[in-house]
C-alpha atoms as a PDB file:
ATOM      1  CA  MET A   1    -130.046 -32.444 -94.024  1.00  0.00           C
ATOM      2  CA  LYS A   2    -130.453 -31.239 -90.453  1.00  0.00           C
ATOM      3  CA  LEU A   3    -130.628 -27.476 -89.893  1.00  0.00           C
ATOM      4  CA  LYS A   4    -127.492 -27.607 -87.746  1.00  0.00           C
ATOM      5  CA  THR A   5    -125.561 -29.362 -90.534  1.00  0.00           C
ATOM      6  CA  PHE A   6    -126.856 -26.927 -93.142  1.00  0.00           C
ATOM      7  CA  LEU A   7    -125.878 -23.911 -91.046  1.00  0.00           C
ATOM      8  CA  SER A   8    -122.376 -25.294 -90.481  1.00  0.00           C
ATOM      9  CA  VAL A   9    -121.910 -25.779 -94.251  1.00  0.00           C
ATOM     10  CA  VAL A  10    -123.106 -22.211 -94.900  1.00  0.00           C
ATOM     11  CA  LYS A  11    -120.933 -20.774 -92.143  1.00  0.00           C
ATOM     12  CA  ASN A  12    -117.672 -22.302 -93.327  1.00  0.00           C
ATOM     13  CA  GLY A  13    -118.320 -21.160 -96.920  1.00  0.00           C
ATOM     14  CA  GLN A  14    -118.484 -24.657 -98.372  1.00  0.00           C
ATOM     15  CA  LEU A  15    -122.019 -24.246 -99.768  1.00  0.00           C
ATOM     16  CA  PHE A  16    -120.979 -21.206-101.801  1.00  0.00           C
ATOM     17  CA  LEU A  17    -117.953 -23.059-103.156  1.00  0.00           C
ATOM     18  CA  ILE A  18    -120.057 -26.073-104.103  1.00  0.00           C
ATOM     19  CA  HIS A  19    -122.619 -23.866-105.855  1.00  0.00           C
ATOM     20  CA  THR A  20    -119.881 -22.086-107.817  1.00  0.00           C
ATOM     21  CA  LEU A  21    -118.282 -25.380-108.784  1.00  0.00           C
ATOM     22  CA  VAL A  22    -121.581 -26.927-109.897  1.00  0.00           C
ATOM     23  CA  GLU A  23    -122.297 -23.943-112.163  1.00  0.00           C
ATOM     24  CA  ALA A  24    -118.830 -24.139-113.722  1.00  0.00           C
ATOM     25  CA  ALA A  25    -119.099 -27.926-114.076  1.00  0.00           C
ATOM     26  CA  ARG A  26    -122.390 -27.597-115.950  1.00  0.00           C
ATOM     27  CA  ASN A  27    -120.725 -25.505-118.647  1.00  0.00           C
ATOM     28  CA  PHE A  28    -117.842 -27.980-118.802  1.00  0.00           C
ATOM     29  CA  HIS A  29    -120.205 -30.947-119.076  1.00  0.00           C
ATOM     30  CA  ARG A  30    -122.269 -29.154-121.711  1.00  0.00           C
ATOM     31  CA  ILE A  31    -119.393 -28.343-124.063  1.00  0.00           C
ATOM     32  CA  SER A  32    -117.880 -31.797-123.478  1.00  0.00           C
ATOM     33  CA  PHE A  33    -121.177 -33.437-124.383  1.00  0.00           C
ATOM     34  CA  LEU A  34    -121.491 -31.383-127.565  1.00  0.00           C
ATOM     35  CA  GLY A  35    -117.950 -32.266-128.623  1.00  0.00           C
ATOM     36  CA  SER A  36    -118.460 -35.973-128.026  1.00  0.00           C
ATOM     37  CA  GLY A  37    -121.846 -35.860-129.751  1.00  0.00           C
ATOM     38  CA  LEU A  38    -120.301 -34.365-132.877  1.00  0.00           C
ATOM     39  CA  SER A  39    -117.479 -36.919-132.868  1.00  0.00           C
ATOM     40  CA  LEU A  40    -119.926 -39.779-132.332  1.00  0.00           C
ATOM     41  CA  GLY A  41    -122.243 -38.503-135.072  1.00  0.00           C
ATOM     42  CA  ALA A  42    -125.276 -38.627-132.778  1.00  0.00           C
ATOM     43  CA  LEU A  43    -126.085 -34.931-133.019  1.00  0.00           C
ATOM     44  CA  GLN A  44    -125.919 -34.960-136.814  1.00  0.00           C
ATOM     45  CA  LEU A  45    -128.242 -37.975-136.819  1.00  0.00           C
ATOM     46  CA  LEU A  46    -130.762 -36.228-134.566  1.00  0.00           C
ATOM     47  CA  ALA A  47    -130.664 -33.185-136.854  1.00  0.00           C
ATOM     48  CA  ASP A  48    -132.883 -35.222-139.184  1.00  0.00           C
ATOM     49  CA  GLY A  49    -135.499 -35.605-136.449  1.00  0.00           C
ATOM     50  CA  PRO A  50    -136.266 -37.462-133.206  1.00  0.00           C
ATOM     51  CA  ALA A  51    -135.112 -41.068-132.870  1.00  0.00           C
ATOM     52  CA  THR A  52    -135.605 -43.848-130.372  1.00  0.00           C
ATOM     53  CA  PHE A  53    -132.847 -45.304-128.251  1.00  0.00           C
ATOM     54  CA  ASP A  54    -132.776 -48.484-130.344  1.00  0.00           C
ATOM     55  CA  GLU A  55    -132.668 -46.516-133.611  1.00  0.00           C
ATOM     56  CA  LEU A  56    -129.772 -44.391-132.384  1.00  0.00           C
ATOM     57  CA  SER A  57    -127.890 -47.366-130.969  1.00  0.00           C
ATOM     58  CA  ALA A  58    -128.197 -49.282-134.256  1.00  0.00           C
ATOM     59  CA  ALA A  59    -127.350 -46.334-136.507  1.00  0.00           C
ATOM     60  CA  LEU A  60    -124.279 -45.396-134.439  1.00  0.00           C
ATOM     61  CA  HIS A  61    -123.106 -49.034-134.071  1.00  0.00           C
ATOM     62  CA  ILE A  62    -123.029 -48.884-130.278  1.00  0.00           C
ATOM     63  CA  HIS A  63    -121.419 -52.042-128.898  1.00  0.00           C
ATOM     64  CA  SER A  64    -123.829 -54.448-127.205  1.00  0.00           C
ATOM     65  CA  SER A  65    -121.846 -54.259-123.955  1.00  0.00           C
ATOM     66  CA  MET A  66    -122.162 -50.444-123.876  1.00  0.00           C
ATOM     67  CA  GLN A  67    -125.942 -50.023-124.044  1.00  0.00           C
ATOM     68  CA  ASP A  68    -126.254 -48.800-120.460  1.00  0.00           C
ATOM     69  CA  ALA A  69    -123.345 -46.423-120.988  1.00  0.00           C
ATOM     70  CA  PHE A  70    -124.962 -45.048-124.157  1.00  0.00           C
ATOM     71  CA  LEU A  71    -128.201 -44.485-122.245  1.00  0.00           C
ATOM     72  CA  ALA A  72    -126.229 -42.612-119.564  1.00  0.00           C
ATOM     73  CA  TRP A  73    -124.628 -40.499-122.318  1.00  0.00           C
ATOM     74  CA  LEU A  74    -128.042 -39.569-123.724  1.00  0.00           C
ATOM     75  CA  GLN A  75    -129.328 -38.716-120.256  1.00  0.00           C
ATOM     76  CA  LEU A  76    -126.308 -36.428-119.776  1.00  0.00           C
ATOM     77  CA  GLY A  77    -127.428 -34.603-122.923  1.00  0.00           C
ATOM     78  CA  VAL A  78    -130.859 -34.157-121.379  1.00  0.00           C
ATOM     79  CA  ALA A  79    -129.353 -32.958-118.080  1.00  0.00           C
ATOM     80  CA  VAL A  80    -127.266 -30.254-119.763  1.00  0.00           C
ATOM     81  CA  GLY A  81    -130.278 -29.115-121.794  1.00  0.00           C
ATOM     82  CA  GLU A  82    -129.105 -30.056-125.287  1.00  0.00           C
ATOM     83  CA  LEU A  83    -131.450 -33.038-125.726  1.00  0.00           C
ATOM     84  CA  SER A  84    -135.063 -33.688-124.845  1.00  0.00           C
ATOM     85  CA  ALA A  85    -136.497 -37.100-124.008  1.00  0.00           C
ATOM     86  CA  LYS A  86    -140.039 -38.371-124.357  1.00  0.00           C
ATOM     87  CA  GLY A  87    -140.169 -41.994-123.320  1.00  0.00           C
ATOM     88  CA  ASP A  88    -137.310 -43.669-125.183  1.00  0.00           C
ATOM     89  CA  THR A  89    -137.315 -41.055-127.976  1.00  0.00           C
ATOM     90  CA  TYR A  90    -134.674 -38.345-128.079  1.00  0.00           C
ATOM     91  CA  ALA A  91    -134.507 -35.039-129.960  1.00  0.00           C
ATOM     92  CA  LEU A  92    -132.312 -31.977-130.191  1.00  0.00           C
ATOM     93  CA  ARG A  93    -133.408 -29.264-127.807  1.00  0.00           C
ATOM     94  CA  GLY A  94    -130.817 -26.575-127.154  1.00  0.00           C
ATOM     95  CA  ARG A  95    -130.280 -23.547-129.357  1.00  0.00           C
ATOM     96  CA  LEU A  96    -126.544 -24.151-129.583  1.00  0.00           C
ATOM     97  CA  VAL A  97    -126.830 -27.801-130.542  1.00  0.00           C
ATOM     98  CA  ARG A  98    -129.347 -26.974-133.281  1.00  0.00           C
ATOM     99  CA  ALA A  99    -126.930 -24.394-134.670  1.00  0.00           C
ATOM    100  CA  ILE A 100    -123.794 -26.524-134.727  1.00  0.00           C
ATOM    101  CA  VAL A 101    -125.465 -29.326-136.691  1.00  0.00           C
ATOM    102  CA  ASP A 102    -126.427 -26.810-139.382  1.00  0.00           C
ATOM    103  CA  PRO A 103    -123.875 -27.140-142.242  1.00  0.00           C
ATOM    104  CA  ARG A 104    -123.752 -23.341-142.475  1.00  0.00           C
ATOM    105  CA  TYR A 105    -122.094 -23.248-139.054  1.00  0.00           C
ATOM    106  CA  ASP A 106    -119.600 -26.062-139.578  1.00  0.00           C
ATOM    107  CA  ALA A 107    -116.731 -23.802-138.450  1.00  0.00           C
ATOM    108  CA  VAL A 108    -118.463 -23.306-135.096  1.00  0.00           C
ATOM    109  CA  ALA A 109    -119.030 -27.057-134.786  1.00  0.00           C
ATOM    110  CA  ALA A 110    -115.334 -27.612-135.477  1.00  0.00           C
ATOM    111  CA  LEU A 111    -114.468 -25.011-132.840  1.00  0.00           C
ATOM    112  CA  VAL A 112    -116.512 -27.007-130.315  1.00  0.00           C
ATOM    113  CA  GLU A 113    -114.506 -30.110-131.265  1.00  0.00           C
ATOM    114  CA  GLU A 114    -111.247 -28.160-131.027  1.00  0.00           C
ATOM    115  CA  ILE A 115    -112.134 -26.925-127.533  1.00  0.00           C
ATOM    116  CA  THR A 116    -113.110 -30.384-126.292  1.00  0.00           C
ATOM    117  CA  CYS A 117    -110.240 -32.231-127.973  1.00  0.00           C
ATOM    118  CA  VAL A 118    -107.248 -29.935-128.490  1.00  0.00           C
ATOM    119  CA  HIS A 119    -107.732 -27.317-125.752  1.00  0.00           C
ATOM    120  CA  SER A 120    -108.954 -29.819-123.180  1.00  0.00           C
ATOM    121  CA  LEU A 121    -106.059 -32.173-123.908  1.00  0.00           C
ATOM    122  CA  ALA A 122    -103.513 -29.373-123.498  1.00  0.00           C
ATOM    123  CA  ILE A 123    -104.972 -28.302-120.167  1.00  0.00           C
ATOM    124  CA  ARG A 124    -105.560 -31.822-118.869  1.00  0.00           C
ATOM    125  CA  GLU A 125    -102.046 -33.082-119.620  1.00  0.00           C
ATOM    126  CA  SER A 126    -100.175 -29.868-118.858  1.00  0.00           C
ATOM    127  CA  SER A 127     -99.130 -30.843-115.317  1.00  0.00           C
ATOM    128  CA  GLU A 128     -97.443 -34.086-116.387  1.00  0.00           C
ATOM    129  CA  ARG A 129     -95.921 -32.693-119.588  1.00  0.00           C
ATOM    130  CA  LEU A 130     -94.621 -29.516-117.963  1.00  0.00           C
ATOM    131  CA  ARG A 131     -92.765 -31.587-115.363  1.00  0.00           C
ATOM    132  CA  SER A 132     -91.470 -34.266-117.740  1.00  0.00           C
ATOM    133  CA  GLY A 133     -90.533 -31.935-120.593  1.00  0.00           C
ATOM    134  CA  ARG A 134     -92.630 -34.035-122.973  1.00  0.00           C
ATOM    135  CA  PRO A 135     -94.254 -31.758-125.569  1.00  0.00           C
ATOM    136  CA  PHE A 136     -97.103 -32.590-127.897  1.00  0.00           C
ATOM    137  CA  THR A 137     -96.485 -33.146-131.609  1.00  0.00           C
ATOM    138  CA  LEU A 138     -98.665 -32.053-134.518  1.00  0.00           C
ATOM    139  CA  ALA A 139     -99.660 -35.705-134.904  1.00  0.00           C
ATOM    140  CA  ASP A 140    -101.427 -35.460-131.522  1.00  0.00           C
ATOM    141  CA  HIS A 141    -103.975 -33.050-133.005  1.00  0.00           C
ATOM    142  CA  ASP A 142    -106.639 -33.439-135.685  1.00  0.00           C
ATOM    143  CA  SER A 143    -105.522 -31.166-138.526  1.00  0.00           C
ATOM    144  CA  HIS A 144    -108.914 -31.600-140.209  1.00  0.00           C
ATOM    145  CA  VAL A 145    -110.753 -30.165-137.196  1.00  0.00           C
ATOM    146  CA  ILE A 146    -108.297 -27.267-136.855  1.00  0.00           C
ATOM    147  CA  ALA A 147    -108.587 -26.423-140.573  1.00  0.00           C
ATOM    148  CA  ARG A 148    -112.375 -26.346-140.256  1.00  0.00           C
ATOM    149  CA  SER A 149    -112.444 -24.306-137.039  1.00  0.00           C
ATOM    150  CA  SER A 150    -110.086 -21.709-138.509  1.00  0.00           C
ATOM    151  CA  ARG A 151    -112.904 -20.731-140.857  1.00  0.00           C
ATOM    152  CA  VAL A 152    -114.620 -18.920-137.975  1.00  0.00           C
ATOM    153  CA  VAL A 153    -112.591 -15.815-138.867  1.00  0.00           C
ATOM    154  CA  GLU A 154    -112.828 -16.424-142.601  1.00  0.00           C
ATOM    155  CA  PRO A 155    -114.927 -13.292-143.356  1.00  0.00           C
ATOM    156  CA  LEU A 156    -112.287 -11.117-141.678  1.00  0.00           C
ATOM    157  CA  ILE A 157    -109.461 -12.733-143.635  1.00  0.00           C
ATOM    158  CA  HIS A 158    -111.427 -12.332-146.861  1.00  0.00           C
ATOM    159  CA  GLU A 159    -111.898  -8.651-146.100  1.00  0.00           C
ATOM    160  CA  VAL A 160    -108.146  -8.205-145.613  1.00  0.00           C
ATOM    161  CA  MET A 161    -107.326 -10.149-148.782  1.00  0.00           C
ATOM    162  CA  GLU A 162    -109.890  -8.416-150.958  1.00  0.00           C
ATOM    163  CA  ARG A 163    -108.142  -5.109-150.295  1.00  0.00           C
ATOM    164  CA  LEU A 164    -104.868  -6.550-151.612  1.00  0.00           C
ATOM    165  CA  VAL A 165    -105.931  -8.838-154.469  1.00  0.00           C
ATOM    166  CA  PRO A 166    -107.274  -7.161-157.636  1.00  0.00           C
ATOM    167  CA  THR A 167    -110.450  -8.418-159.266  1.00  0.00           C
ATOM    168  CA  ARG A 168    -108.833  -8.549-162.710  1.00  0.00           C
ATOM    169  CA  GLY A 169    -105.435  -9.021-164.262  1.00  0.00           C
ATOM    170  CA  PRO A 170    -102.686 -11.649-163.766  1.00  0.00           C
ATOM    171  CA  PHE A 171    -101.833 -12.154-160.100  1.00  0.00           C
ATOM    172  CA  ARG A 172     -99.828 -14.877-158.329  1.00  0.00           C
ATOM    173  CA  LEU A 173    -100.783 -15.828-154.767  1.00  0.00           C
ATOM    174  CA  PHE A 174     -98.855 -18.089-152.382  1.00  0.00           C
ATOM    175  CA  GLU A 175    -100.763 -19.272-149.298  1.00  0.00           C
ATOM    176  CA  ILE A 176     -98.483 -20.963-146.780  1.00  0.00           C
ATOM    177  CA  GLY A 177    -100.647 -23.175-144.609  1.00  0.00           C
ATOM    178  CA  CYS A 178    -103.745 -22.969-146.780  1.00  0.00           C
ATOM    179  CA  GLY A 179    -106.029 -24.933-144.435  1.00  0.00           C
ATOM    180  CA  SER A 180    -109.268 -25.782-146.192  1.00  0.00           C
ATOM    181  CA  ALA A 181    -108.235 -23.659-149.253  1.00  0.00           C
ATOM    182  CA  VAL A 182    -111.531 -21.794-149.082  1.00  0.00           C
ATOM    183  CA  THR A 183    -109.778 -18.407-149.205  1.00  0.00           C
ATOM    184  CA  LEU A 184    -107.768 -19.456-152.264  1.00  0.00           C
ATOM    185  CA  CYS A 185    -110.925 -20.544-154.072  1.00  0.00           C
ATOM    186  CA  HIS A 186    -112.776 -17.384-153.060  1.00  0.00           C
ATOM    187  CA  LEU A 187    -110.056 -15.154-154.472  1.00  0.00           C
ATOM    188  CA  ALA A 188    -109.708 -17.272-157.625  1.00  0.00           C
ATOM    189  CA  LYS A 189    -113.401 -16.784-158.325  1.00  0.00           C
ATOM    190  CA  ARG A 190    -113.114 -13.015-157.781  1.00  0.00           C
ATOM    191  CA  ASN A 191    -110.229 -12.765-160.259  1.00  0.00           C
ATOM    192  CA  PRO A 192    -110.414 -15.174-163.235  1.00  0.00           C
ATOM    193  CA  GLU A 193    -106.741 -14.497-164.053  1.00  0.00           C
ATOM    194  CA  LEU A 194    -105.396 -15.254-160.580  1.00  0.00           C
ATOM    195  CA  THR A 195    -103.181 -18.312-160.113  1.00  0.00           C
ATOM    196  CA  ALA A 196    -102.333 -19.662-156.691  1.00  0.00           C
ATOM    197  CA  LEU A 197    -100.289 -22.216-154.804  1.00  0.00           C
ATOM    198  CA  GLY A 198    -101.360 -23.544-151.429  1.00  0.00           C
ATOM    199  CA  LEU A 199     -98.738 -25.254-149.263  1.00  0.00           C
ATOM    200  CA  GLU A 200     -99.591 -27.514-146.329  1.00  0.00           C
ATOM    201  CA  LEU A 201     -97.206 -29.176-143.904  1.00  0.00           C
ATOM    202  CA  GLN A 202     -99.407 -32.212-143.209  1.00  0.00           C
ATOM    203  CA  GLU A 203    -100.622 -34.554-145.942  1.00  0.00           C
ATOM    204  CA  SER A 204    -104.071 -34.908-144.380  1.00  0.00           C
ATOM    205  CA  ALA A 205    -104.592 -31.131-144.440  1.00  0.00           C
ATOM    206  CA  ALA A 206    -103.314 -30.920-148.024  1.00  0.00           C
ATOM    207  CA  ALA A 207    -105.726 -33.663-149.079  1.00  0.00           C
ATOM    208  CA  LEU A 208    -108.656 -31.720-147.584  1.00  0.00           C
ATOM    209  CA  ALA A 209    -107.533 -28.538-149.355  1.00  0.00           C
ATOM    210  CA  ALA A 210    -107.137 -30.318-152.700  1.00  0.00           C
ATOM    211  CA  LYS A 211    -110.601 -31.831-152.352  1.00  0.00           C
ATOM    212  CA  ASN A 212    -112.125 -28.400-151.726  1.00  0.00           C
ATOM    213  CA  VAL A 213    -110.265 -26.904-154.701  1.00  0.00           C
ATOM    214  CA  GLU A 214    -111.624 -29.651-156.939  1.00  0.00           C
ATOM    215  CA  ARG A 215    -115.131 -29.168-155.571  1.00  0.00           C
ATOM    216  CA  ALA A 216    -114.894 -25.425-156.264  1.00  0.00           C
ATOM    217  CA  GLN A 217    -113.728 -26.161-159.836  1.00  0.00           C
ATOM    218  CA  CYS A 218    -110.538 -24.141-159.380  1.00  0.00           C
ATOM    219  CA  SER A 219    -108.011 -26.915-160.044  1.00  0.00           C
ATOM    220  CA  ASP A 220    -106.897 -25.337-163.326  1.00  0.00           C
ATOM    221  CA  ARG A 221    -105.527 -22.265-161.495  1.00  0.00           C
ATOM    222  CA  VAL A 222    -105.078 -23.356-157.873  1.00  0.00           C
ATOM    223  CA  SER A 223    -102.647 -26.122-156.928  1.00  0.00           C
ATOM    224  CA  ILE A 224    -101.991 -27.677-153.531  1.00  0.00           C
ATOM    225  CA  GLU A 225     -98.670 -29.126-152.410  1.00  0.00           C
ATOM    226  CA  THR A 226     -97.323 -30.709-149.237  1.00  0.00           C
ATOM    227  CA  GLY A 227     -94.089 -29.454-147.740  1.00  0.00           C
ATOM    228  CA  ASP A 228     -92.248 -27.242-145.266  1.00  0.00           C
ATOM    229  CA  ILE A 229     -91.805 -23.652-146.452  1.00  0.00           C
ATOM    230  CA  ARG A 230     -88.415 -23.588-144.708  1.00  0.00           C
ATOM    231  CA  GLN A 231     -87.161 -26.358-147.006  1.00  0.00           C
ATOM    232  CA  ARG A 232     -88.464 -24.732-150.174  1.00  0.00           C
ATOM    233  CA  SER A 233     -86.510 -22.481-152.547  1.00  0.00           C
ATOM    234  CA  PRO A 234     -88.095 -19.561-154.412  1.00  0.00           C
ATOM    235  CA  ASP A 235     -88.940 -20.056-158.071  1.00  0.00           C
ATOM    236  CA  GLU A 236     -91.156 -17.703-160.062  1.00  0.00           C
ATOM    237  CA  PRO A 237     -91.938 -14.804-157.700  1.00  0.00           C
ATOM    238  CA  PHE A 238     -95.390 -14.131-156.240  1.00  0.00           C
ATOM    239  CA  ASP A 239     -97.339 -10.908-155.929  1.00  0.00           C
ATOM    240  CA  LEU A 240     -98.612 -11.857-152.487  1.00  0.00           C
ATOM    241  CA  ALA A 241     -97.739 -14.462-149.851  1.00  0.00           C
ATOM    242  CA  THR A 242     -99.782 -15.237-146.764  1.00  0.00           C
ATOM    243  CA  LEU A 243     -99.361 -16.857-143.376  1.00  0.00           C
ATOM    244  CA  HIS A 244    -102.895 -17.121-142.028  1.00  0.00           C
ATOM    245  CA  GLN A 245    -103.282 -18.291-138.430  1.00  0.00           C
ATOM    246  CA  ASN A 246    -100.102 -20.327-138.392  1.00  0.00           C
ATOM    247  CA  ILE A 247     -97.168 -18.162-137.305  1.00  0.00           C
ATOM    248  CA  TYR A 248     -97.362 -19.968-133.948  1.00  0.00           C
ATOM    249  CA  TYR A 249     -96.535 -23.242-135.706  1.00  0.00           C
ATOM    250  CA  PHE A 250     -92.957 -21.932-135.765  1.00  0.00           C
ATOM    251  CA  PRO A 251     -90.673 -21.360-132.728  1.00  0.00           C
ATOM    252  CA  VAL A 252     -90.434 -17.735-131.628  1.00  0.00           C
ATOM    253  CA  SER A 253     -86.657 -17.716-132.215  1.00  0.00           C
ATOM    254  CA  GLU A 254     -87.133 -18.748-135.862  1.00  0.00           C
ATOM    255  CA  ARG A 255     -89.917 -16.378-136.870  1.00  0.00           C
ATOM    256  CA  THR A 256     -87.782 -13.508-138.127  1.00  0.00           C
ATOM    257  CA  ASP A 257     -85.751 -15.899-140.307  1.00  0.00           C
ATOM    258  CA  LEU A 258     -88.997 -17.482-141.527  1.00  0.00           C
ATOM    259  CA  LEU A 259     -90.428 -14.103-142.534  1.00  0.00           C
ATOM    260  CA  ARG A 260     -87.133 -13.178-144.212  1.00  0.00           C
ATOM    261  CA  HIS A 261     -87.233 -16.465-146.151  1.00  0.00           C
ATOM    262  CA  VAL A 262     -90.849 -15.950-147.236  1.00  0.00           C
ATOM    263  CA  ARG A 263     -89.908 -12.463-148.471  1.00  0.00           C
ATOM    264  CA  THR A 264     -87.592 -14.100-151.045  1.00  0.00           C
ATOM    265  CA  PHE A 265     -90.663 -15.607-152.737  1.00  0.00           C
ATOM    266  CA  LEU A 266     -92.064 -12.135-153.492  1.00  0.00           C
ATOM    267  CA  LYS A 267     -91.626  -9.795-156.415  1.00  0.00           C
ATOM    268  CA  PRO A 268     -90.173  -6.365-155.616  1.00  0.00           C
ATOM    269  CA  GLY A 269     -93.141  -4.487-154.223  1.00  0.00           C
ATOM    270  CA  GLY A 270     -94.933  -7.753-153.411  1.00  0.00           C
ATOM    271  CA  LYS A 271     -96.666  -8.080-150.065  1.00  0.00           C
ATOM    272  CA  LEU A 272     -96.685 -10.509-147.178  1.00  0.00           C
ATOM    273  CA  VAL A 273     -99.821 -10.859-145.057  1.00  0.00           C
ATOM    274  CA  VAL A 274     -99.807 -12.470-141.625  1.00  0.00           C
ATOM    275  CA  THR A 275    -103.000 -12.960-139.623  1.00  0.00           C
ATOM    276  CA  SER A 276    -102.878 -14.347-136.115  1.00  0.00           C
ATOM    277  CA  LEU A 277    -104.353 -14.472-132.694  1.00  0.00           C
ATOM    278  CA  CYS A 278    -101.943 -12.624-130.436  1.00  0.00           C
ATOM    279  CA  GLN A 279    -101.187 -12.446-126.744  1.00  0.00           C
ATOM    280  CA  GLY A 280    -103.826 -10.937-124.494  1.00  0.00           C
ATOM    281  CA  GLY A 281    -107.050 -12.560-125.679  1.00  0.00           C
ATOM    282  CA  GLY A 282    -109.820 -14.477-123.943  1.00  0.00           C
ATOM    283  CA  THR A 283    -109.823 -18.001-122.550  1.00  0.00           C
ATOM    284  CA  SER A 284    -109.938 -19.761-125.932  1.00  0.00           C
ATOM    285  CA  THR A 285    -106.986 -17.686-127.103  1.00  0.00           C
ATOM    286  CA  GLN A 286    -105.073 -18.506-123.935  1.00  0.00           C
ATOM    287  CA  ALA A 287    -105.859 -22.212-124.383  1.00  0.00           C
ATOM    288  CA  LEU A 288    -104.499 -22.025-127.936  1.00  0.00           C
ATOM    289  CA  ASP A 289    -101.433 -20.230-126.570  1.00  0.00           C
ATOM    290  CA  LEU A 290    -100.910 -23.113-124.134  1.00  0.00           C
ATOM    291  CA  TRP A 291    -101.346 -25.714-126.869  1.00  0.00           C
ATOM    292  CA  SER A 292     -98.928 -24.040-129.285  1.00  0.00           C
ATOM    293  CA  ALA A 293     -96.343 -23.404-126.566  1.00  0.00           C
ATOM    294  CA  MET A 294     -96.520 -27.092-125.579  1.00  0.00           C
ATOM    295  CA  THR A 295     -96.164 -28.486-129.114  1.00  0.00           C
ATOM    296  CA  ARG A 296     -92.776 -29.522-130.491  1.00  0.00           C
ATOM    297  CA  GLY A 297     -91.635 -27.269-133.324  1.00  0.00           C
ATOM    298  CA  SER A 298     -94.247 -24.627-132.515  1.00  0.00           C
ATOM    299  CA  GLY A 299     -94.211 -21.672-130.120  1.00  0.00           C
ATOM    300  CA  ARG A 300     -96.389 -19.365-128.074  1.00  0.00           C
ATOM    301  CA  LEU A 301     -98.677 -16.801-129.650  1.00  0.00           C
ATOM    302  CA  PRO A 302     -96.917 -13.592-130.717  1.00  0.00           C
ATOM    303  CA  GLY A 303     -97.432 -10.173-129.252  1.00  0.00           C
ATOM    304  CA  HIS A 304     -98.716  -7.783-131.915  1.00  0.00           C
ATOM    305  CA  GLU A 305     -95.855  -5.308-131.363  1.00  0.00           C
ATOM    306  CA  GLU A 306     -93.384  -8.200-131.323  1.00  0.00           C
ATOM    307  CA  LEU A 307     -94.606  -9.538-134.675  1.00  0.00           C
ATOM    308  CA  THR A 308     -94.570  -6.078-136.225  1.00  0.00           C
ATOM    309  CA  ALA A 309     -90.919  -5.709-135.175  1.00  0.00           C
ATOM    310  CA  GLN A 310     -90.050  -9.165-136.527  1.00  0.00           C
ATOM    311  CA  MET A 311     -91.517  -8.314-139.939  1.00  0.00           C
ATOM    312  CA  LYS A 312     -89.483  -5.107-140.082  1.00  0.00           C
ATOM    313  CA  GLU A 313     -86.347  -6.957-139.016  1.00  0.00           C
ATOM    314  CA  ALA A 314     -86.995  -9.454-141.825  1.00  0.00           C
ATOM    315  CA  GLY A 315     -86.691  -6.618-144.334  1.00  0.00           C
ATOM    316  CA  LEU A 316     -90.354  -5.858-144.933  1.00  0.00           C
ATOM    317  CA  THR A 317     -91.262  -2.185-145.158  1.00  0.00           C
ATOM    318  CA  ALA A 318     -94.375  -0.120-144.496  1.00  0.00           C
ATOM    319  CA  VAL A 319     -95.602  -2.765-142.050  1.00  0.00           C
ATOM    320  CA  GLU A 320     -99.190  -2.128-140.985  1.00  0.00           C
ATOM    321  CA  ALA A 321    -100.855  -3.895-138.060  1.00  0.00           C
ATOM    322  CA  ALA A 322    -104.643  -3.883-137.686  1.00  0.00           C
ATOM    323  CA  HIS A 323    -106.817  -5.128-134.817  1.00  0.00           C
ATOM    324  CA  LEU A 324    -109.637  -7.085-136.498  1.00  0.00           C
ATOM    325  CA  ILE A 325    -111.966  -8.129-133.651  1.00  0.00           C
ATOM    326  CA  PRO A 326    -112.970  -5.735-130.846  1.00  0.00           C
ATOM    327  CA  GLY A 327    -112.490  -7.450-127.515  1.00  0.00           C
ATOM    328  CA  GLU A 328    -110.387 -10.248-128.995  1.00  0.00           C
ATOM    329  CA  SER A 329    -106.722 -10.309-130.013  1.00  0.00           C
ATOM    330  CA  PHE A 330    -106.992 -11.243-133.694  1.00  0.00           C
ATOM    331  CA  TRP A 331    -104.664  -9.110-135.834  1.00  0.00           C
ATOM    332  CA  SER A 332    -103.535  -8.695-139.424  1.00  0.00           C
ATOM    333  CA  PHE A 333    -100.045  -7.565-140.468  1.00  0.00           C
ATOM    334  CA  VAL A 334     -99.134  -6.436-143.985  1.00  0.00           C
ATOM    335  CA  GLY A 335     -95.564  -5.693-145.116  1.00  0.00           C
ATOM    336  CA  THR A 336     -94.001  -4.878-148.479  1.00  0.00           C
ATOM    337  CA  SER A 337     -90.929  -6.505-150.026  1.00  0.00           C
END
């Protein structure tokens, strides 16, 4: 580039804009690569050690017509710093990629997939859908990925629940939207007399929960069912009901009635626990807010004062709201029937 051309680019501010865009694009390309690598299975394969191009192509069943494209995909991984290449042999390189292929951090891996699939889809298609009035449906999203990613805040939810669930004595727990059922199994192991019901709206999510319950050897005391809580009538009352990270699956206008309905499943003195991301969080929270607001049958994230008021209006007393993560808008709400 000639000096005159360079100076003109600097003077009109274009160089600064390009530099800023390139830096932002690198982060976008990096997270997109990680999400696609998890979905493809390539990163999990490389977790076992370096592999050649031919070994990876064969193991991942890459179509013969897509060999050049697969090579370009691997080179993108090198460019964003998550892979290393020595000749035609590739290996994991980045700290983040090494972490997300570790089974201990599966929730973080799922969060990467949620960002690159769910959040990205909501942002990418927002312009067309906002104009056409065409919302997403729950079928547009991978319930398995969302159930796994929700485990990121699992320790916080366990802390809330352990304060409310005794370690001994008969206790009936109703988890509405039980996700992976890990919390149900955790509490069942803490209290050998606890019995629990987990309810899931989608069959695929219920199947995952039931599989985890069986794996945890809790099937004798923890059952999983598929259904809509709004279509269910109370039977034998529960000591505690929960709505963990799913209040935004219901329209804002219906939330007070929902909470009032859930209250009918409780014994006198029983408690309802709601945990949720609320308005005012970071970019991931705002992306989730966009997704839920754009999904048919769902609604935007609640405000923490708004949800507190809705619980009181539903007839719950002594409602307590607690901010669980400094710097992020994850809250718990506990009310008494």
